[in-house]
């Protein structure tokens, strides 16, 4: 009887200690997922900024190309 009671107390103690560990792991996972989402947003923002700079450079090059085009004078 004492062995059974001791075993039940030990089992209850183990379960009560494991619950905060699970909650702590969940909090760590939440923090990591938040950090990963934040890094993903930063990377997307950097990619958009790079793409915008590329579009601007392309437009500038096309504009320069149009300005530097000289058609020959027509002679009749």
C-alpha atoms as a PDB file:
ATOM      1  CA  UNK A   1       0.000   0.000   0.000  1.00  0.00           C
ATOM      2  CA  UNK A   2       2.830   2.387   0.900  1.00  0.00           C
ATOM      3  CA  UNK A   3       4.607   1.516  -2.339  1.00  0.00           C
ATOM      4  CA  UNK A   4       1.494   2.324  -4.358  1.00  0.00           C
ATOM      5  CA  UNK A   5       1.023   5.638  -2.543  1.00  0.00           C
ATOM      6  CA  UNK A   6       4.689   6.523  -3.025  1.00  0.00           C
ATOM      7  CA  UNK A   7       4.458   5.643  -6.718  1.00  0.00           C
ATOM      8  CA  UNK A   8       1.335   7.782  -7.166  1.00  0.00           C
ATOM      9  CA  UNK A   9       2.963  10.744  -5.377  1.00  0.00           C
ATOM     10  CA  UNK A  10       6.084  10.350  -7.540  1.00  0.00           C
ATOM     11  CA  UNK A  11       3.970  10.192 -10.707  1.00  0.00           C
ATOM     12  CA  UNK A  12       1.995  13.278  -9.677  1.00  0.00           C
ATOM     13  CA  UNK A  13       5.232  15.129  -8.934  1.00  0.00           C
ATOM     14  CA  UNK A  14       6.695  14.221 -12.339  1.00  0.00           C
ATOM     15  CA  UNK A  15       3.565  15.352 -14.161  1.00  0.00           C
ATOM     16  CA  UNK A  16       3.395  18.631 -12.279  1.00  0.00           C
ATOM     17  CA  UNK A  17       7.023  19.400 -13.122  1.00  0.00           C
ATOM     18  CA  UNK A  18       6.633  18.527 -16.788  1.00  0.00           C
ATOM     19  CA  UNK A  19       3.701  20.910 -17.401  1.00  0.00           C
ATOM     20  CA  UNK A  20       5.737  24.129 -16.903  1.00  0.00           C
ATOM     21  CA  UNK A  21       8.447  22.735 -19.200  1.00  0.00           C
ATOM     22  CA  UNK A  22       5.889  22.249 -21.972  1.00  0.00           C
ATOM     23  CA  UNK A  23       4.568  25.761 -21.421  1.00  0.00           C
ATOM     24  CA  UNK A  24       8.106  27.120 -21.490  1.00  0.00           C
ATOM     25  CA  UNK A  25       8.854  25.269 -24.725  1.00  0.00           C
ATOM     26  CA  UNK A  26       5.696  26.754 -26.242  1.00  0.00           C
ATOM     27  CA  UNK A  27       6.802  30.245 -25.224  1.00  0.00           C
ATOM     28  CA  UNK A  28      10.217  29.684 -26.796  1.00  0.00           C
ATOM     29  CA  UNK A  29       8.622  28.382 -30.004  1.00  0.00           C
ATOM     30  CA  UNK A  30       6.344  31.406 -30.106  1.00  0.00           C
ATOM     31  CA  UNK A  31       9.306  33.755 -29.687  1.00  0.00           C
ATOM     32  CA  UNK A  32      11.262  31.930 -32.384  1.00  0.00           C
ATOM     33  CA  UNK A  33       8.355  31.957 -34.798  1.00  0.00           C
ATOM     34  CA  UNK A  34       7.843  35.678 -34.148  1.00  0.00           C
ATOM     35  CA  UNK A  35      11.527  36.309 -34.799  1.00  0.00           C
ATOM     36  CA  UNK A  36      11.426  34.226 -37.973  1.00  0.00           C
ATOM     37  CA  UNK A  37       8.348  36.119 -39.222  1.00  0.00           C
ATOM     38  CA  UNK A  38      10.110  39.392 -38.482  1.00  0.00           C
ATOM     39  CA  UNK A  39      13.210  38.320 -40.402  1.00  0.00           C
ATOM     40  CA  UNK A  40      11.035  37.158 -43.286  1.00  0.00           C
ATOM     41  CA  UNK A  41       9.305  40.557 -43.420  1.00  0.00           C
ATOM     42  CA  UNK A  42      12.669  42.336 -43.343  1.00  0.00           C
ATOM     43  CA  UNK A  43      13.948  40.182 -46.192  1.00  0.00           C
ATOM     44  CA  UNK A  44      10.829  40.828 -48.265  1.00  0.00           C
ATOM     45  CA  UNK A  45      11.206  44.548 -47.642  1.00  0.00           C
ATOM     46  CA  UNK A  46      14.842  44.434 -48.755  1.00  0.00           C
ATOM     47  CA  UNK A  47      13.872  42.513 -51.898  1.00  0.00           C
ATOM     48  CA  UNK A  48      11.168  45.059 -52.733  1.00  0.00           C
ATOM     49  CA  UNK A  49      13.640  47.910 -52.209  1.00  0.00           C
ATOM     50  CA  UNK A  50      16.176  46.205 -54.481  1.00  0.00           C
ATOM     51  CA  UNK A  51      13.539  45.564 -57.156  1.00  0.00           C
ATOM     52  CA  UNK A  52      12.421  49.193 -56.972  1.00  0.00           C
ATOM     53  CA  UNK A  53      15.998  50.401 -57.435  1.00  0.00           C
ATOM     54  CA  UNK A  54      16.388  48.067 -60.416  1.00  0.00           C
ATOM     55  CA  UNK A  55      13.190  49.396 -62.032  1.00  0.00           C
ATOM     56  CA  UNK A  56      14.339  52.973 -61.445  1.00  0.00           C
ATOM     57  CA  UNK A  57      17.736  52.277 -63.004  1.00  0.00           C
ATOM     58  CA  UNK A  58      16.061  50.593 -65.981  1.00  0.00           C
ATOM     59  CA  UNK A  59      13.742  53.576 -66.543  1.00  0.00           C
ATOM     60  CA  UNK A  60      16.676  55.982 -66.242  1.00  0.00           C
ATOM     61  CA  UNK A  61      18.676  53.999 -68.792  1.00  0.00           C
ATOM     62  CA  UNK A  62      15.747  53.946 -71.220  1.00  0.00           C
ATOM     63  CA  UNK A  63      15.247  57.675 -70.802  1.00  0.00           C
ATOM     64  CA  UNK A  64      18.938  58.366 -71.492  1.00  0.00           C
ATOM     65  CA  UNK A  65      18.768  56.126 -74.510  1.00  0.00           C
ATOM     66  CA  UNK A  66      15.789  58.093 -75.880  1.00  0.00           C
ATOM     67  CA  UNK A  67      17.517  61.408 -75.231  1.00  0.00           C
ATOM     68  CA  UNK A  68      20.727  60.337 -76.945  1.00  0.00           C
ATOM     69  CA  UNK A  69      19.027  59.102 -80.091  1.00  0.00           C
ATOM     70  CA  UNK A  70      19.674  61.488 -82.950  1.00  0.00           C
ATOM     71  CA  UNK A  71      17.919  60.903 -86.182  1.00  0.00           C
ATOM     72  CA  UNK A  72      19.698  62.043 -89.335  1.00  0.00           C
ATOM     73  CA  UNK A  73      18.414  65.155 -91.034  1.00  0.00           C
ATOM     74  CA  UNK A  74      16.190  64.471 -94.009  1.00  0.00           C
ATOM     75  CA  UNK A  75      17.334  65.854 -97.315  1.00  0.00           C
ATOM     76  CA  UNK A  76      14.924  66.246-100.164  1.00  0.00           C
END
